[in-house]
C-alpha atoms as a PDB file:
ATOM      1  CA  MET A   1     124.708  76.502  78.548  1.00  0.00           C
ATOM      2  CA  LYS A   2     121.462  75.052  78.977  1.00  0.00           C
ATOM      3  CA  ALA A   3     121.071  71.416  79.298  1.00  0.00           C
ATOM      4  CA  PHE A   4     119.607  70.638  76.091  1.00  0.00           C
ATOM      5  CA  GLN A   5     122.303  72.521  74.131  1.00  0.00           C
ATOM      6  CA  ILE A   6     125.079  70.344  76.257  1.00  0.00           C
ATOM      7  CA  GLN A   7     123.528  66.943  75.686  1.00  0.00           C
ATOM      8  CA  ASN A   8     122.885  67.920  72.251  1.00  0.00           C
ATOM      9  CA  LEU A   9     126.731  68.390  71.882  1.00  0.00           C
ATOM     10  CA  LEU A  10     127.203  65.660  73.405  1.00  0.00           C
ATOM     11  CA  ARG A  11     125.772  63.820  71.540  1.00  0.00           C
ATOM     12  CA  VAL A  12     127.465  65.212  68.250  1.00  0.00           C
ATOM     13  CA  GLY A  13     130.557  64.749  69.633  1.00  0.00           C
ATOM     14  CA  THR A  14     129.980  60.984  70.785  1.00  0.00           C
ATOM     15  CA  VAL A  15     129.254  60.285  66.920  1.00  0.00           C
ATOM     16  CA  ALA A  16     131.562  62.140  65.120  1.00  0.00           C
ATOM     17  CA  ALA A  17     133.819  59.289  67.492  1.00  0.00           C
ATOM     18  CA  ALA A  18     132.044  56.349  66.398  1.00  0.00           C
ATOM     19  CA  LEU A  19     132.278  57.888  62.875  1.00  0.00           C
ATOM     20  CA  ALA A  20     135.504  58.497  64.386  1.00  0.00           C
ATOM     21  CA  VAL A  21     135.851  54.512  65.144  1.00  0.00           C
ATOM     22  CA  ALA A  22     137.496  53.787  61.216  1.00  0.00           C
ATOM     23  CA  GLY A  23     140.247  56.054  62.241  1.00  0.00           C
ATOM     24  CA  VAL A  24     140.972  55.631  65.987  1.00  0.00           C
ATOM     25  CA  ALA A  25     141.344  52.293  65.244  1.00  0.00           C
ATOM     26  CA  ALA A  26     143.122  52.731  61.955  1.00  0.00           C
ATOM     27  CA  HIS A  27     146.044  54.912  64.046  1.00  0.00           C
ATOM     28  CA  ALA A  28     147.255  51.881  66.476  1.00  0.00           C
ATOM     29  CA  GLN A  29     147.356  49.972  63.671  1.00  0.00           C
ATOM     30  CA  PRO A  30     150.948  49.242  61.754  1.00  0.00           C
ATOM     31  CA  GLY A  31     152.012  50.493  58.891  1.00  0.00           C
ATOM     32  CA  GLY A  32     151.894  53.996  57.121  1.00  0.00           C
ATOM     33  CA  HIS A  33     153.546  56.930  59.383  1.00  0.00           C
ATOM     34  CA  GLY A  34     157.408  56.739  59.017  1.00  0.00           C
ATOM     35  CA  GLY A  35     157.119  53.006  57.915  1.00  0.00           C
ATOM     36  CA  PRO A  36     155.871  49.716  59.135  1.00  0.00           C
ATOM     37  CA  GLY A  37     154.429  48.857  62.267  1.00  0.00           C
ATOM     38  CA  ARG A  38     153.467  52.716  62.942  1.00  0.00           C
ATOM     39  CA  GLY A  39     150.009  53.710  62.765  1.00  0.00           C
ATOM     40  CA  GLY A  40     149.403  57.717  61.871  1.00  0.00           C
ATOM     41  CA  PRO A  41     147.060  59.753  59.332  1.00  0.00           C
ATOM     42  CA  SER A  42     148.841  58.612  56.431  1.00  0.00           C
ATOM     43  CA  ALA A  43     148.847  55.082  57.797  1.00  0.00           C
ATOM     44  CA  MET A  44     144.691  56.155  57.658  1.00  0.00           C
ATOM     45  CA  MET A  45     144.860  56.895  54.425  1.00  0.00           C
ATOM     46  CA  GLU A  46     146.939  53.879  52.838  1.00  0.00           C
ATOM     47  CA  ARG A  47     144.710  51.952  54.516  1.00  0.00           C
ATOM     48  CA  GLY A  48     141.615  52.868  52.652  1.00  0.00           C
ATOM     49  CA  PHE A  49     140.484  55.667  55.674  1.00  0.00           C
ATOM     50  CA  GLY A  50     135.974  56.193  55.661  1.00  0.00           C
ATOM     51  CA  HIS A  51     135.968  52.191  53.656  1.00  0.00           C
ATOM     52  CA  ASP A  52     136.257  50.204  56.548  1.00  0.00           C
ATOM     53  CA  ALA A  53     134.138  47.294  57.802  1.00  0.00           C
ATOM     54  CA  ARG A  54     133.909  49.017  61.350  1.00  0.00           C
ATOM     55  CA  LEU A  55     132.540  52.638  59.748  1.00  0.00           C
ATOM     56  CA  ASP A  56     129.855  50.474  57.998  1.00  0.00           C
ATOM     57  CA  TYR A  57     128.511  49.085  60.808  1.00  0.00           C
ATOM     58  CA  MET A  58     128.107  52.327  63.049  1.00  0.00           C
ATOM     59  CA  LEU A  59     126.036  53.344  59.459  1.00  0.00           C
ATOM     60  CA  ASP A  60     124.186  50.122  59.779  1.00  0.00           C
ATOM     61  CA  VAL A  61     123.524  51.248  63.649  1.00  0.00           C
ATOM     62  CA  ALA A  62     121.887  53.761  61.918  1.00  0.00           C
ATOM     63  CA  ASN A  63     120.481  52.431  59.378  1.00  0.00           C
ATOM     64  CA  ALA A  64     122.031  54.948  57.129  1.00  0.00           C
ATOM     65  CA  SER A  65     120.392  55.455  53.516  1.00  0.00           C
ATOM     66  CA  ASP A  66     122.223  54.943  49.924  1.00  0.00           C
ATOM     67  CA  ALA A  67     122.081  58.520  49.476  1.00  0.00           C
ATOM     68  CA  GLN A  68     124.140  58.965  53.412  1.00  0.00           C
ATOM     69  CA  ARG A  69     126.376  56.090  52.938  1.00  0.00           C
ATOM     70  CA  SER A  70     127.381  57.917  49.472  1.00  0.00           C
ATOM     71  CA  GLN A  71     127.610  61.627  50.797  1.00  0.00           C
ATOM     72  CA  ILE A  72     130.375  60.325  53.893  1.00  0.00           C
ATOM     73  CA  ALA A  73     132.617  57.926  51.306  1.00  0.00           C
ATOM     74  CA  ALA A  74     132.583  61.231  49.846  1.00  0.00           C
ATOM     75  CA  ILE A  75     133.484  63.201  53.081  1.00  0.00           C
ATOM     76  CA  PHE A  76     136.247  60.361  53.421  1.00  0.00           C
ATOM     77  CA  LYS A  77     137.382  60.249  49.926  1.00  0.00           C
ATOM     78  CA  ALA A  78     137.897  64.031  50.196  1.00  0.00           C
ATOM     79  CA  ALA A  79     139.980  63.489  53.019  1.00  0.00           C
ATOM     80  CA  ARG A  80     142.288  60.057  51.553  1.00  0.00           C
ATOM     81  CA  GLN A  81     142.554  62.719  48.649  1.00  0.00           C
ATOM     82  CA  ASP A  82     143.253  66.055  50.858  1.00  0.00           C
ATOM     83  CA  LEU A  83     145.588  64.030  52.791  1.00  0.00           C
ATOM     84  CA  ALA A  84     147.612  61.857  50.408  1.00  0.00           C
ATOM     85  CA  GLY A  85     150.865  64.183  50.145  1.00  0.00           C
ATOM     86  CA  GLN A  86     151.312  64.313  53.419  1.00  0.00           C
ATOM     87  CA  ARG A  87     152.415  60.550  52.973  1.00  0.00           C
ATOM     88  CA  ASP A  88     155.541  61.190  51.780  1.00  0.00           C
ATOM     89  CA  ALA A  89     156.739  64.780  53.482  1.00  0.00           C
ATOM     90  CA  GLY A  90     156.242  62.524  57.026  1.00  0.00           C
ATOM     91  CA  ARG A  91     157.888  59.323  55.435  1.00  0.00           C
ATOM     92  CA  LYS A  92     160.651  62.369  54.915  1.00  0.00           C
ATOM     93  CA  LEU A  93     160.771  63.491  58.686  1.00  0.00           C
ATOM     94  CA  HIS A  94     161.055  60.242  59.865  1.00  0.00           C
ATOM     95  CA  GLU A  95     163.652  59.434  57.184  1.00  0.00           C
ATOM     96  CA  GLN A  96     165.250  62.399  58.859  1.00  0.00           C
ATOM     97  CA  MET A  97     165.063  62.166  62.118  1.00  0.00           C
ATOM     98  CA  ALA A  98     166.511  59.227  62.133  1.00  0.00           C
ATOM     99  CA  ALA A  99     169.429  61.180  60.523  1.00  0.00           C
ATOM    100  CA  LEU A 100     170.309  63.669  62.610  1.00  0.00           C
ATOM    101  CA  LEU A 101     169.506  61.104  65.905  1.00  0.00           C
ATOM    102  CA  ALA A 102     172.214  58.680  64.231  1.00  0.00           C
ATOM    103  CA  ALA A 103     174.760  61.714  63.499  1.00  0.00           C
ATOM    104  CA  PRO A 104     178.845  61.474  65.216  1.00  0.00           C
ATOM    105  CA  THR A 105     177.746  65.265  66.433  1.00  0.00           C
ATOM    106  CA  LEU A 106     173.789  65.736  67.301  1.00  0.00           C
ATOM    107  CA  ASP A 107     172.478  68.846  65.883  1.00  0.00           C
ATOM    108  CA  ALA A 108     169.565  69.425  68.728  1.00  0.00           C
ATOM    109  CA  ALA A 109     168.621  72.380  66.960  1.00  0.00           C
ATOM    110  CA  ALA A 110     167.743  70.436  64.056  1.00  0.00           C
ATOM    111  CA  ILE A 111     166.638  67.657  65.534  1.00  0.00           C
ATOM    112  CA  GLU A 112     163.547  69.999  68.229  1.00  0.00           C
ATOM    113  CA  ALA A 113     163.085  71.446  64.206  1.00  0.00           C
ATOM    114  CA  THR A 114     162.258  68.105  62.587  1.00  0.00           C
ATOM    115  CA  ARG A 115     159.619  67.275  65.801  1.00  0.00           C
ATOM    116  CA  ALA A 116     158.499  70.476  65.362  1.00  0.00           C
ATOM    117  CA  GLN A 117     157.747  69.561  62.250  1.00  0.00           C
ATOM    118  CA  MET A 118     156.666  66.177  62.788  1.00  0.00           C
ATOM    119  CA  SER A 119     154.395  67.796  64.453  1.00  0.00           C
ATOM    120  CA  ALA A 120     152.754  70.742  62.682  1.00  0.00           C
ATOM    121  CA  GLN A 121     152.287  67.694  59.953  1.00  0.00           C
ATOM    122  CA  HIS A 122     150.662  65.723  62.574  1.00  0.00           C
ATOM    123  CA  ASP A 123     148.252  68.738  63.331  1.00  0.00           C
ATOM    124  CA  ALA A 124     147.380  69.264  60.569  1.00  0.00           C
ATOM    125  CA  ALA A 125     146.377  66.024  58.972  1.00  0.00           C
ATOM    126  CA  SER A 126     144.067  65.539  62.573  1.00  0.00           C
ATOM    127  CA  LYS A 127     142.126  68.801  61.817  1.00  0.00           C
ATOM    128  CA  ARG A 128     141.239  67.162  58.320  1.00  0.00           C
ATOM    129  CA  LEU A 129     140.328  64.490  60.011  1.00  0.00           C
ATOM    130  CA  SER A 130     138.429  65.347  63.018  1.00  0.00           C
ATOM    131  CA  GLN A 131     136.447  67.849  60.171  1.00  0.00           C
ATOM    132  CA  ALA A 132     135.812  64.754  57.997  1.00  0.00           C
ATOM    133  CA  ARG A 133     133.864  63.210  60.962  1.00  0.00           C
ATOM    134  CA  ILE A 134     132.226  65.981  61.980  1.00  0.00           C
ATOM    135  CA  ASP A 135     130.988  66.427  58.692  1.00  0.00           C
ATOM    136  CA  ALA A 136     130.031  62.909  57.858  1.00  0.00           C
ATOM    137  CA  ALA A 137     128.020  63.402  61.242  1.00  0.00           C
ATOM    138  CA  ARG A 138     125.989  66.313  60.159  1.00  0.00           C
ATOM    139  CA  VAL A 139     124.822  63.506  57.127  1.00  0.00           C
ATOM    140  CA  LEU A 140     123.232  61.722  59.736  1.00  0.00           C
ATOM    141  CA  THR A 141     119.699  62.867  61.466  1.00  0.00           C
ATOM    142  CA  ALA A 142     119.428  63.064  65.352  1.00  0.00           C
ATOM    143  CA  GLU A 143     118.053  59.939  65.298  1.00  0.00           C
ATOM    144  CA  GLN A 144     120.830  58.596  64.280  1.00  0.00           C
ATOM    145  CA  ARG A 145     122.868  59.917  65.797  1.00  0.00           C
ATOM    146  CA  ALA A 146     121.355  58.918  69.229  1.00  0.00           C
ATOM    147  CA  ARG A 147     121.601  55.418  67.495  1.00  0.00           C
ATOM    148  CA  VAL A 148     125.368  55.059  67.481  1.00  0.00           C
ATOM    149  CA  ALA A 149     125.910  57.444  70.683  1.00  0.00           C
ATOM    150  CA  ASP A 150     123.888  54.482  72.674  1.00  0.00           C
ATOM    151  CA  VAL A 151     125.785  51.903  70.950  1.00  0.00           C
ATOM    152  CA  MET A 152     129.803  53.273  71.399  1.00  0.00           C
ATOM    153  CA  LYS A 153     128.554  53.862  75.159  1.00  0.00           C
ATOM    154  CA  LYS A 154     127.861  50.149  75.349  1.00  0.00           C
ATOM    155  CA  ARG A 155     130.605  49.584  74.082  1.00  0.00           C
ATOM    156  CA  GLN A 156     132.812  51.762  75.753  1.00  0.00           C
ATOM    157  CA  ALA A 157     130.831  50.080  79.238  1.00  0.00           C
ATOM    158  CA  ARG A 158     132.046  46.602  78.039  1.00  0.00           C
ATOM    159  CA  MET A 159     135.886  47.590  77.146  1.00  0.00           C
ATOM    160  CA  ASP A 160     135.772  49.322  80.511  1.00  0.00           C
ATOM    161  CA  ALA A 161     134.967  45.862  82.680  1.00  0.00           C
ATOM    162  CA  ARG A 162     137.335  44.118  80.851  1.00  0.00           C
ATOM    163  CA  GLN A 163     140.362  46.881  81.488  1.00  0.00           C
ATOM    164  CA  ASN A 164     138.930  46.365  85.178  1.00  0.00           C
ATOM    165  CA  ALA A 165     139.239  43.106  85.138  1.00  0.00           C
ATOM    166  CA  ARG A 166     143.199  42.951  83.270  1.00  0.00           C
ATOM    167  CA  LYS A 167     143.580  45.123  86.347  1.00  0.00           C
ATOM    168  CA  ASP A 168     141.871  43.445  88.670  1.00  0.00           C
ATOM    169  CA  GLY A 169     144.273  40.047  87.295  1.00  0.00           C
ATOM    170  CA  ASP A 170     147.470  41.614  86.878  1.00  0.00           C
ATOM    171  CA  ARG A 171     147.231  42.483  91.327  1.00  0.00           C
ATOM    172  CA  LYS A 172     146.062  39.478  92.080  1.00  0.00           C
ATOM    173  CA  ASP A 173     148.509  37.620  90.577  1.00  0.00           C
ATOM    174  CA  ALA A 174     151.400  40.425  91.652  1.00  0.00           C
ATOM    175  CA  ARG A 175     149.516  39.202  94.592  1.00  0.00           C
ATOM    176  CA  LYS A 176     150.685  36.168  93.979  1.00  0.00           C
ATOM    177  CA  HIS A 177     153.413  36.153  92.996  1.00  0.00           C
ATOM    178  CA  ALA A 178     154.738  38.298  95.962  1.00  0.00           C
ATOM    179  CA  ASP A 179     153.077  35.438  98.291  1.00  0.00           C
ATOM    180  CA  HIS A 180     155.329  33.048  96.983  1.00  0.00           C
ATOM    181  CA  LYS A 181     158.321  35.531  97.124  1.00  0.00           C
ATOM    182  CA  GLY A 182     158.087  35.177 101.093  1.00  0.00           C
END
């Protein structure tokens, strides 16, 4: 691949990731997919994935027009509708897994089959959300995607710096505790 093609591919990927910030953050939030305190595709749908302050912020960064905002809202609304039925199915699978694990006699084959069903359902939801992210990124111009990518790159650098500072702090705390044990 030529350098320009790779750079363009990276930009589209970064923008798709930026537009998915709402979904990624929602995935880690409590509620949904299997019950309280769990994240996942159904949790994103329950909280209105695609209608989120983080997504609005990214669209502000991109200086998206009202028409673009409407198109992107429609894309995520369609994704929510497509995945709405999976919420109940996911809960049933989690309940089934809990029952299998609590049974007096463990059925390894049934547990594995249920795990495989859960994994397949999660993969299907993930693919649908990924397609929504790609579709949303395509609504924006190259310049808008570049603006969003720049903001996301800076945000990632800040997050990395905080994470490294925490790691350094943890190492210092560990040395401090080791010194006091001596």
